[in-house]
C-alpha atoms as a PDB file:
ATOM      1  CA  MET A   1      38.800 -14.630  -1.514  1.00  0.00           C
ATOM      2  CA  THR A   2      36.479 -17.204  -1.039  1.00  0.00           C
ATOM      3  CA  ILE A   3      34.460 -17.334   2.667  1.00  0.00           C
ATOM      4  CA  GLU A   4      36.630 -20.773   3.493  1.00  0.00           C
ATOM      5  CA  VAL A   5      39.679 -18.920   3.012  1.00  0.00           C
ATOM      6  CA  LEU A   6      38.800 -15.414   4.403  1.00  0.00           C
ATOM      7  CA  GLY A   7      37.185 -17.513   8.150  1.00  0.00           C
ATOM      8  CA  ALA A   8      41.001 -19.138   8.266  1.00  0.00           C
ATOM      9  CA  LYS A   9      42.444 -16.068   8.529  1.00  0.00           C
ATOM     10  CA  LEU A  10      39.985 -14.610  11.197  1.00  0.00           C
ATOM     11  CA  SER A  11      40.452 -17.959  13.078  1.00  0.00           C
ATOM     12  CA  LYS A  12      44.401 -16.808  13.263  1.00  0.00           C
ATOM     13  CA  HIS A  13      43.996 -13.412  13.782  1.00  0.00           C
ATOM     14  CA  GLY A  14      41.509 -12.658  15.219  1.00  0.00           C
ATOM     15  CA  LYS A  15      39.998 -10.469  17.762  1.00  0.00           C
ATOM     16  CA  ALA A  16      36.450 -11.784  19.146  1.00  0.00           C
ATOM     17  CA  ASN A  17      37.457 -14.737  20.615  1.00  0.00           C
ATOM     18  CA  LEU A  18      34.980 -17.000  22.022  1.00  0.00           C
ATOM     19  CA  LYS A  19      36.135 -18.626  25.556  1.00  0.00           C
ATOM     20  CA  ALA A  20      35.173 -21.703  27.530  1.00  0.00           C
ATOM     21  CA  GLY A  21      31.967 -21.073  29.867  1.00  0.00           C
ATOM     22  CA  GLU A  22      30.657 -18.322  27.608  1.00  0.00           C
ATOM     23  CA  VAL A  23      28.010 -17.669  25.217  1.00  0.00           C
ATOM     24  CA  ALA A  24      27.868 -15.506  21.937  1.00  0.00           C
ATOM     25  CA  LEU A  25      24.640 -14.249  20.372  1.00  0.00           C
ATOM     26  CA  VAL A  26      25.011 -14.120  17.174  1.00  0.00           C
ATOM     27  CA  GLY A  27      22.922 -12.290  14.966  1.00  0.00           C
ATOM     28  CA  ALA A  28      22.636 -14.898  11.090  1.00  0.00           C
ATOM     29  CA  GLY A  29      21.102 -11.835   8.735  1.00  0.00           C
ATOM     30  CA  PRO A  30      18.342 -13.034   6.415  1.00  0.00           C
ATOM     31  CA  GLY A  31      19.871 -15.460   4.999  1.00  0.00           C
ATOM     32  CA  ASP A  32      22.616 -14.877   2.622  1.00  0.00           C
ATOM     33  CA  ALA A  33      25.700 -15.838   4.331  1.00  0.00           C
ATOM     34  CA  GLU A  34      27.749 -13.182   2.179  1.00  0.00           C
ATOM     35  CA  LEU A  35      25.514 -10.735   4.378  1.00  0.00           C
ATOM     36  CA  LEU A  36      27.506 -12.082   7.750  1.00  0.00           C
ATOM     37  CA  THR A  37      29.573 -10.106   9.748  1.00  0.00           C
ATOM     38  CA  ILE A  38      33.064 -10.676  10.136  1.00  0.00           C
ATOM     39  CA  ARG A  39      32.694 -11.424  13.553  1.00  0.00           C
ATOM     40  CA  ALA A  40      30.151 -13.878  13.233  1.00  0.00           C
ATOM     41  CA  LEU A  41      32.300 -16.197  11.323  1.00  0.00           C
ATOM     42  CA  ARG A  42      34.732 -15.901  14.245  1.00  0.00           C
ATOM     43  CA  PHE A  43      32.276 -17.192  16.429  1.00  0.00           C
ATOM     44  CA  ILE A  44      30.963 -19.192  14.094  1.00  0.00           C
ATOM     45  CA  GLN A  45      34.583 -21.380  14.042  1.00  0.00           C
ATOM     46  CA  GLN A  46      35.080 -21.257  17.407  1.00  0.00           C
ATOM     47  CA  ALA A  47      31.750 -22.704  18.660  1.00  0.00           C
ATOM     48  CA  GLU A  48      31.733 -26.255  20.270  1.00  0.00           C
ATOM     49  CA  VAL A  49      27.658 -26.593  20.613  1.00  0.00           C
ATOM     50  CA  VAL A  50      25.773 -24.687  18.929  1.00  0.00           C
ATOM     51  CA  VAL A  51      21.756 -23.464  19.196  1.00  0.00           C
ATOM     52  CA  PHE A  52      19.574 -22.389  16.165  1.00  0.00           C
ATOM     53  CA  ASP A  53      16.499 -21.178  15.138  1.00  0.00           C
ATOM     54  CA  ARG A  54      14.400 -21.958  12.143  1.00  0.00           C
ATOM     55  CA  LEU A  55      15.102 -19.055  10.566  1.00  0.00           C
ATOM     56  CA  VAL A  56      18.922 -19.702  10.310  1.00  0.00           C
ATOM     57  CA  SER A  57      19.710 -20.437   6.697  1.00  0.00           C
ATOM     58  CA  ASP A  58      20.888 -23.907   5.502  1.00  0.00           C
ATOM     59  CA  GLU A  59      23.860 -21.950   4.058  1.00  0.00           C
ATOM     60  CA  ILE A  60      24.974 -20.868   6.915  1.00  0.00           C
ATOM     61  CA  LEU A  61      25.151 -24.257   8.957  1.00  0.00           C
ATOM     62  CA  SER A  62      26.471 -25.150   6.661  1.00  0.00           C
ATOM     63  CA  MET A  63      29.413 -23.526   7.985  1.00  0.00           C
ATOM     64  CA  LEU A  64      29.322 -24.701  11.017  1.00  0.00           C
ATOM     65  CA  PRO A  65      32.962 -26.796  12.680  1.00  0.00           C
ATOM     66  CA  GLN A  66      31.615 -30.294  12.010  1.00  0.00           C
ATOM     67  CA  ASP A  67      32.448 -31.502  15.334  1.00  0.00           C
ATOM     68  CA  ALA A  68      29.937 -29.433  16.950  1.00  0.00           C
ATOM     69  CA  GLU A  69      26.896 -30.490  18.945  1.00  0.00           C
ATOM     70  CA  GLN A  70      23.668 -28.554  17.730  1.00  0.00           C
ATOM     71  CA  PHE A  71      20.890 -28.533  19.060  1.00  0.00           C
ATOM     72  CA  TYR A  72      17.359 -27.068  17.034  1.00  0.00           C
ATOM     73  CA  VAL A  73      15.163 -24.796  18.819  1.00  0.00           C
ATOM     74  CA  GLY A  74      13.000 -23.886  16.069  1.00  0.00           C
ATOM     75  CA  LYS A  75       9.234 -21.981  16.910  1.00  0.00           C
ATOM     76  CA  LYS A  76       6.745 -21.890  13.947  1.00  0.00           C
ATOM     77  CA  ARG A  77       3.604 -20.642  15.205  1.00  0.00           C
ATOM     78  CA  SER A  78       1.447 -22.025  17.829  1.00  0.00           C
ATOM     79  CA  LYS A  79       4.724 -24.836  17.673  1.00  0.00           C
ATOM     80  CA  HIS A  80       7.896 -24.324  19.372  1.00  0.00           C
ATOM     81  CA  SER A  81       9.687 -27.083  19.630  1.00  0.00           C
ATOM     82  CA  VAL A  82      11.779 -25.668  22.379  1.00  0.00           C
ATOM     83  CA  SER A  83      10.033 -23.105  25.185  1.00  0.00           C
ATOM     84  CA  GLN A  84      11.583 -20.206  25.467  1.00  0.00           C
ATOM     85  CA  GLU A  85      12.618 -20.944  29.307  1.00  0.00           C
ATOM     86  CA  ASP A  86      13.944 -24.296  28.599  1.00  0.00           C
ATOM     87  CA  ILE A  87      16.593 -22.673  25.660  1.00  0.00           C
ATOM     88  CA  ASN A  88      17.844 -19.656  28.343  1.00  0.00           C
ATOM     89  CA  GLN A  89      18.677 -22.870  30.849  1.00  0.00           C
ATOM     90  CA  LEU A  90      20.252 -25.113  27.445  1.00  0.00           C
ATOM     91  CA  LEU A  91      22.913 -22.376  27.184  1.00  0.00           C
ATOM     92  CA  VAL A  92      23.496 -21.885  30.706  1.00  0.00           C
ATOM     93  CA  ASP A  93      23.703 -25.202  31.113  1.00  0.00           C
ATOM     94  CA  GLN A  94      26.625 -26.248  28.050  1.00  0.00           C
ATOM     95  CA  ALA A  95      27.820 -22.858  29.003  1.00  0.00           C
ATOM     96  CA  LYS A  96      28.009 -24.581  32.736  1.00  0.00           C
ATOM     97  CA  LEU A  97      30.067 -28.025  31.122  1.00  0.00           C
ATOM     98  CA  GLY A  98      32.948 -25.443  29.959  1.00  0.00           C
ATOM     99  CA  LYS A  99      31.941 -25.465  26.687  1.00  0.00           C
ATOM    100  CA  ARG A 100      32.251 -22.691  23.873  1.00  0.00           C
ATOM    101  CA  VAL A 101      28.320 -21.835  23.595  1.00  0.00           C
ATOM    102  CA  LEU A 102      26.856 -19.945  20.165  1.00  0.00           C
ATOM    103  CA  ARG A 103      23.744 -18.878  20.092  1.00  0.00           C
ATOM    104  CA  LEU A 104      22.437 -18.384  16.052  1.00  0.00           C
ATOM    105  CA  LYS A 105      19.436 -16.387  15.581  1.00  0.00           C
ATOM    106  CA  GLY A 106      18.489 -15.288  12.607  1.00  0.00           C
ATOM    107  CA  GLY A 107      18.256 -11.935  12.016  1.00  0.00           C
ATOM    108  CA  ASP A 108      19.451  -9.469  14.416  1.00  0.00           C
ATOM    109  CA  PRO A 109      19.505 -10.942  17.640  1.00  0.00           C
ATOM    110  CA  PHE A 110      18.303  -7.956  19.748  1.00  0.00           C
ATOM    111  CA  ILE A 111      15.397  -7.048  16.887  1.00  0.00           C
ATOM    112  CA  PHE A 112      12.174  -9.272  17.697  1.00  0.00           C
ATOM    113  CA  GLY A 113      14.614 -12.149  18.630  1.00  0.00           C
ATOM    114  CA  ARG A 114      14.425 -12.374  22.303  1.00  0.00           C
ATOM    115  CA  GLY A 115      18.005 -11.839  22.554  1.00  0.00           C
ATOM    116  CA  GLY A 116      17.959  -9.392  25.660  1.00  0.00           C
ATOM    117  CA  GLU A 117      15.465 -11.828  27.261  1.00  0.00           C
ATOM    118  CA  GLU A 118      18.635 -13.975  26.612  1.00  0.00           C
ATOM    119  CA  ALA A 119      21.506 -11.932  27.606  1.00  0.00           C
ATOM    120  CA  GLU A 120      19.716 -11.378  30.359  1.00  0.00           C
ATOM    121  CA  TYR A 121      19.106 -14.337  31.748  1.00  0.00           C
ATOM    122  CA  VAL A 122      22.939 -15.809  31.512  1.00  0.00           C
ATOM    123  CA  LEU A 123      24.564 -12.627  32.573  1.00  0.00           C
ATOM    124  CA  LYS A 124      21.974 -13.352  36.130  1.00  0.00           C
ATOM    125  CA  ARG A 125      22.956 -17.162  36.387  1.00  0.00           C
ATOM    126  CA  GLY A 126      27.219 -15.820  36.042  1.00  0.00           C
ATOM    127  CA  VAL A 127      27.145 -16.656  32.269  1.00  0.00           C
ATOM    128  CA  SER A 128      29.551 -14.141  29.734  1.00  0.00           C
ATOM    129  CA  CYS A 129      27.819 -12.777  27.216  1.00  0.00           C
ATOM    130  CA  HIS A 130      29.322 -11.861  23.977  1.00  0.00           C
ATOM    131  CA  ILE A 131      26.354  -9.892  21.286  1.00  0.00           C
ATOM    132  CA  CYS A 132      27.268  -9.808  17.660  1.00  0.00           C
ATOM    133  CA  PRO A 133      25.068  -8.055  15.685  1.00  0.00           C
ATOM    134  CA  GLY A 134      23.549  -8.950  12.270  1.00  0.00           C
ATOM    135  CA  ILE A 135      21.713  -7.510   8.976  1.00  0.00           C
ATOM    136  CA  THR A 136      17.518  -7.427  10.743  1.00  0.00           C
ATOM    137  CA  ALA A 137      15.434  -9.184   7.137  1.00  0.00           C
ATOM    138  CA  ALA A 138      13.674  -5.547   7.337  1.00  0.00           C
ATOM    139  CA  SER A 139      16.718  -3.902   5.990  1.00  0.00           C
ATOM    140  CA  GLY A 140      18.798  -6.813   4.302  1.00  0.00           C
ATOM    141  CA  CYS A 141      15.619  -7.994   2.365  1.00  0.00           C
ATOM    142  CA  THR A 142      13.917  -4.235   0.949  1.00  0.00           C
ATOM    143  CA  THR A 143      17.233  -3.810  -0.137  1.00  0.00           C
ATOM    144  CA  TYR A 144      17.679  -7.164  -2.035  1.00  0.00           C
ATOM    145  CA  ALA A 145      14.202  -6.906  -3.247  1.00  0.00           C
ATOM    146  CA  GLY A 146      15.319  -3.049  -4.421  1.00  0.00           C
ATOM    147  CA  ILE A 147      13.186  -0.646  -2.555  1.00  0.00           C
ATOM    148  CA  PRO A 148      14.861   1.733  -0.408  1.00  0.00           C
ATOM    149  CA  LEU A 149      13.645   1.848   3.202  1.00  0.00           C
ATOM    150  CA  THR A 150      13.981   5.600   2.734  1.00  0.00           C
ATOM    151  CA  HIS A 151      14.162   8.410   0.291  1.00  0.00           C
ATOM    152  CA  ARG A 152      14.499  11.732  -0.066  1.00  0.00           C
ATOM    153  CA  GLY A 153      10.903  13.809  -0.676  1.00  0.00           C
ATOM    154  CA  VAL A 154       9.345   9.745  -0.417  1.00  0.00           C
ATOM    155  CA  ALA A 155       9.830   8.668   3.333  1.00  0.00           C
ATOM    156  CA  GLN A 156      11.538  10.677   6.054  1.00  0.00           C
ATOM    157  CA  GLY A 157      11.308   7.554   8.600  1.00  0.00           C
ATOM    158  CA  CYS A 158      10.712   3.758   8.992  1.00  0.00           C
ATOM    159  CA  THR A 159       9.017   1.812  11.652  1.00  0.00           C
ATOM    160  CA  PHE A 160      10.243  -2.214  12.126  1.00  0.00           C
ATOM    161  CA  ILE A 161       6.879  -3.860  14.244  1.00  0.00           C
ATOM    162  CA  THR A 162       5.282  -6.835  14.564  1.00  0.00           C
ATOM    163  CA  GLY A 163       2.115  -8.766  13.814  1.00  0.00           C
ATOM    164  CA  ASN A 164       1.998 -11.747  15.993  1.00  0.00           C
ATOM    165  CA  MET A 165      -0.538 -11.887  17.709  1.00  0.00           C
ATOM    166  CA  GLN A 166      -0.186 -11.394  22.270  1.00  0.00           C
ATOM    167  CA  ASP A 167      -1.032 -13.883  24.518  1.00  0.00           C
ATOM    168  CA  ASP A 168      -4.408 -12.812  24.830  1.00  0.00           C
ATOM    169  CA  GLY A 169      -5.924 -13.349  21.186  1.00  0.00           C
ATOM    170  CA  GLN A 170      -5.785  -9.281  20.723  1.00  0.00           C
ATOM    171  CA  LEU A 171      -3.673  -7.254  18.036  1.00  0.00           C
ATOM    172  CA  ASN A 172      -2.966  -4.303  19.291  1.00  0.00           C
ATOM    173  CA  LEU A 173      -0.260  -2.099  18.423  1.00  0.00           C
ATOM    174  CA  PRO A 174      -0.154   1.736  17.999  1.00  0.00           C
ATOM    175  CA  TRP A 175      -2.246   1.985  14.695  1.00  0.00           C
ATOM    176  CA  GLN A 176      -2.648   5.591  14.255  1.00  0.00           C
ATOM    177  CA  SER A 177       1.179   5.669  14.193  1.00  0.00           C
ATOM    178  CA  LEU A 178       1.582   3.973  11.460  1.00  0.00           C
ATOM    179  CA  THR A 179      -0.463   5.804   8.760  1.00  0.00           C
ATOM    180  CA  ALA A 180       1.766   8.706   7.655  1.00  0.00           C
ATOM    181  CA  SER A 181       2.222   8.572   4.316  1.00  0.00           C
ATOM    182  CA  SER A 182       5.586   9.814   4.314  1.00  0.00           C
ATOM    183  CA  GLN A 183       6.425   6.349   6.982  1.00  0.00           C
ATOM    184  CA  THR A 184       7.627   3.373   5.535  1.00  0.00           C
ATOM    185  CA  VAL A 185       5.927   0.551   7.666  1.00  0.00           C
ATOM    186  CA  VAL A 186       7.946  -3.415   7.542  1.00  0.00           C
ATOM    187  CA  PHE A 187       5.602  -6.287   9.398  1.00  0.00           C
ATOM    188  CA  TYR A 188       6.965  -9.057  10.727  1.00  0.00           C
ATOM    189  CA  MET A 189       5.506 -12.374  11.744  1.00  0.00           C
ATOM    190  CA  GLY A 190       2.566 -10.879  10.084  1.00  0.00           C
ATOM    191  CA  ILE A 191       1.170 -13.381   7.207  1.00  0.00           C
ATOM    192  CA  ILE A 192      -1.428 -14.821   9.386  1.00  0.00           C
ATOM    193  CA  THR A 193      -2.419 -11.419  11.725  1.00  0.00           C
ATOM    194  CA  LEU A 194      -2.889  -9.875   7.680  1.00  0.00           C
ATOM    195  CA  PRO A 195      -6.036  -9.728   7.213  1.00  0.00           C
ATOM    196  CA  LEU A 196      -6.713  -7.572  10.759  1.00  0.00           C
ATOM    197  CA  ILE A 197      -3.558  -5.552   9.751  1.00  0.00           C
ATOM    198  CA  VAL A 198      -5.294  -4.074   6.369  1.00  0.00           C
ATOM    199  CA  LYS A 199      -8.497  -3.166   7.925  1.00  0.00           C
ATOM    200  CA  GLU A 200      -6.368  -1.676  10.954  1.00  0.00           C
ATOM    201  CA  LEU A 201      -4.696   0.553   9.000  1.00  0.00           C
ATOM    202  CA  ILE A 202      -6.707   1.524   6.390  1.00  0.00           C
ATOM    203  CA  ARG A 203      -9.927   2.264   9.293  1.00  0.00           C
ATOM    204  CA  HIS A 204      -7.279   4.405  11.296  1.00  0.00           C
ATOM    205  CA  GLY A 205      -6.388   5.943   7.547  1.00  0.00           C
ATOM    206  CA  ARG A 206      -4.303   4.825   5.854  1.00  0.00           C
ATOM    207  CA  ALA A 207      -5.085   5.373   2.493  1.00  0.00           C
ATOM    208  CA  ALA A 208      -6.604   1.732   0.893  1.00  0.00           C
ATOM    209  CA  SER A 209      -4.109   2.475  -2.242  1.00  0.00           C
ATOM    210  CA  THR A 210      -0.802   2.417  -0.889  1.00  0.00           C
ATOM    211  CA  PRO A 211       2.174   0.810  -2.418  1.00  0.00           C
ATOM    212  CA  ALA A 212       2.863  -2.319  -0.405  1.00  0.00           C
ATOM    213  CA  ALA A 213       4.390  -5.120  -0.699  1.00  0.00           C
ATOM    214  CA  LEU A 214       5.275  -8.465   0.580  1.00  0.00           C
ATOM    215  CA  ILE A 215       8.959 -10.637   0.249  1.00  0.00           C
ATOM    216  CA  TYR A 216       9.301 -13.773   0.355  1.00  0.00           C
ATOM    217  CA  LYS A 217      12.814 -15.581   1.792  1.00  0.00           C
ATOM    218  CA  GLY A 218      14.430 -12.644   1.109  1.00  0.00           C
ATOM    219  CA  THR A 219      18.501 -12.601   0.104  1.00  0.00           C
ATOM    220  CA  GLN A 220      17.836 -16.579  -0.490  1.00  0.00           C
ATOM    221  CA  PRO A 221      18.305 -18.118  -3.648  1.00  0.00           C
ATOM    222  CA  GLU A 222      14.245 -18.701  -2.972  1.00  0.00           C
ATOM    223  CA  GLN A 223      13.745 -15.749  -3.253  1.00  0.00           C
ATOM    224  CA  GLU A 224      10.370 -14.338  -4.377  1.00  0.00           C
ATOM    225  CA  VAL A 225       8.949 -10.792  -4.489  1.00  0.00           C
ATOM    226  CA  PHE A 226       4.938  -9.559  -4.871  1.00  0.00           C
ATOM    227  CA  ARG A 227       4.076  -5.893  -5.078  1.00  0.00           C
ATOM    228  CA  GLY A 228       0.345  -4.845  -4.844  1.00  0.00           C
ATOM    229  CA  GLN A 229      -1.427  -2.006  -2.874  1.00  0.00           C
ATOM    230  CA  LEU A 230      -2.397  -1.885   0.892  1.00  0.00           C
ATOM    231  CA  ASP A 231      -6.176  -3.268  -0.326  1.00  0.00           C
ATOM    232  CA  THR A 232      -4.286  -5.951  -2.699  1.00  0.00           C
ATOM    233  CA  LEU A 233      -2.626  -7.770   0.194  1.00  0.00           C
ATOM    234  CA  GLU A 234      -5.129  -9.982   1.271  1.00  0.00           C
ATOM    235  CA  GLN A 235      -5.192 -11.182  -3.019  1.00  0.00           C
ATOM    236  CA  LEU A 236      -1.421 -11.835  -3.536  1.00  0.00           C
ATOM    237  CA  ILE A 237      -1.585 -14.124  -0.753  1.00  0.00           C
ATOM    238  CA  THR A 238      -4.432 -16.055  -1.327  1.00  0.00           C
ATOM    239  CA  GLU A 239      -3.040 -16.593  -5.823  1.00  0.00           C
ATOM    240  CA  HIS A 240       0.356 -17.116  -4.467  1.00  0.00           C
ATOM    241  CA  ASN A 241      -0.008 -19.210  -1.251  1.00  0.00           C
ATOM    242  CA  ILE A 242       2.810 -17.677   0.197  1.00  0.00           C
ATOM    243  CA  LYS A 243       3.492 -19.209   3.661  1.00  0.00           C
ATOM    244  CA  PRO A 244       6.209 -17.504   6.063  1.00  0.00           C
ATOM    245  CA  PRO A 245       8.488 -15.870   6.762  1.00  0.00           C
ATOM    246  CA  THR A 246       7.495 -13.274   4.440  1.00  0.00           C
ATOM    247  CA  LEU A 247       8.242  -9.767   5.456  1.00  0.00           C
ATOM    248  CA  ILE A 248       5.039  -6.653   5.155  1.00  0.00           C
ATOM    249  CA  VAL A 249       6.679  -3.907   3.846  1.00  0.00           C
ATOM    250  CA  ILE A 250       4.198  -0.801   3.021  1.00  0.00           C
ATOM    251  CA  GLY A 251       5.205   2.338   2.362  1.00  0.00           C
ATOM    252  CA  ASP A 252       5.534   5.115  -1.372  1.00  0.00           C
ATOM    253  CA  VAL A 253       8.713   3.611  -1.462  1.00  0.00           C
ATOM    254  CA  ILE A 254       7.542   0.086  -3.048  1.00  0.00           C
ATOM    255  CA  ASN A 255       7.580   1.061  -6.555  1.00  0.00           C
ATOM    256  CA  GLN A 256      10.569   3.493  -6.345  1.00  0.00           C
ATOM    257  CA  LEU A 257      12.881   0.894  -8.430  1.00  0.00           C
ATOM    258  CA  THR A 258      10.569  -1.119  -9.942  1.00  0.00           C
ATOM    259  CA  GLU A 259      11.365  -5.244  -9.970  1.00  0.00           C
ATOM    260  CA  HIS A 260      12.641  -5.384 -13.660  1.00  0.00           C
ATOM    261  CA  GLN A 261      15.606  -4.047 -12.694  1.00  0.00           C
ATOM    262  CA  LEU A 262      16.711  -6.508 -10.621  1.00  0.00           C
ATOM    263  CA  SER A 263      18.811  -9.393 -12.758  1.00  0.00           C
ATOM    264  CA  ARG A 264      19.081 -10.801  -9.326  1.00  0.00           C
ATOM    265  CA  PRO A 265      18.735  -9.914  -6.366  1.00  0.00           C
ATOM    266  CA  GLY A 266      20.205  -6.890  -4.531  1.00  0.00           C
ATOM    267  CA  PHE A 267      22.269  -5.882  -8.038  1.00  0.00           C
ATOM    268  CA  LEU A 268      20.660  -3.245  -9.750  1.00  0.00           C
ATOM    269  CA  ARG A 269      21.895  -3.381 -13.264  1.00  0.00           C
ATOM    270  CA  ALA A 270      22.636   0.037 -14.985  1.00  0.00           C
ATOM    271  CA  ASP A 271      21.383  -0.312 -18.684  1.00  0.00           C
ATOM    272  CA  GLU A 272      18.123  -1.621 -17.144  1.00  0.00           C
ATOM    273  CA  TYR A 273      17.486   1.386 -15.250  1.00  0.00           C
ATOM    274  CA  VAL A 274      14.407   3.796 -15.808  1.00  0.00           C
ATOM    275  CA  ALA A 275      13.802   5.862 -13.083  1.00  0.00           C
ATOM    276  CA  ASN A 276      10.245   5.647 -11.283  1.00  0.00           C
ATOM    277  CA  GLN A 277       8.646   9.292 -12.547  1.00  0.00           C
END
């Protein structure tokens, strides 16, 4: 069954109804449209106004209703097309015009997506708000790269953390809590600050030889995975001219499943599998 056929069935029988004057905060996942939840697909089909971020893939944008009004509010480092305050108000204004408003966000709206801020803003102004989770990049991209975030006997936990500098130009993170060898650490938005991340992790006790990886545009056709170790990440960025959006993954799980086993993202061939010893 194609996504289009599934969508037609859902629009007739679905439970998630976006009513006039309401907002739906929807996680679009890391990019592959097949990772959308069924609930997200329902809201996409019902939208009359769509407010979307830079990280929403073209594949997912192509699924929007043709007559839906679209507002691009994407952000890049030091270059915001629309301020967060204006985004918040845009959602309210469109909802109060009686529109079905879809706020489409890459990944999950409540994981580094400012979804909590937006929900709080519209609710305080009398606008009802649906929340629809999405697969966050740390989960979707690592899975497509064949990197398990946790693995028995290797990593008993994982931490998702932002590499964005604060307004004061500092990167004030709980470095000491990120040094355990039994923990996988995934940095969002950390390419620009990667030299500082590497320096501070090593200074606080994380081994320089810890396996690490960079995942560019994970789950999408352009996906690239670069493996190395903590103290070679800067070299990888320079050699391959790696740009955002790229996740930084640090931990012993990196090489649990070797890269050559992936004949395509998210697919492991049994006849090529060789357990990592």
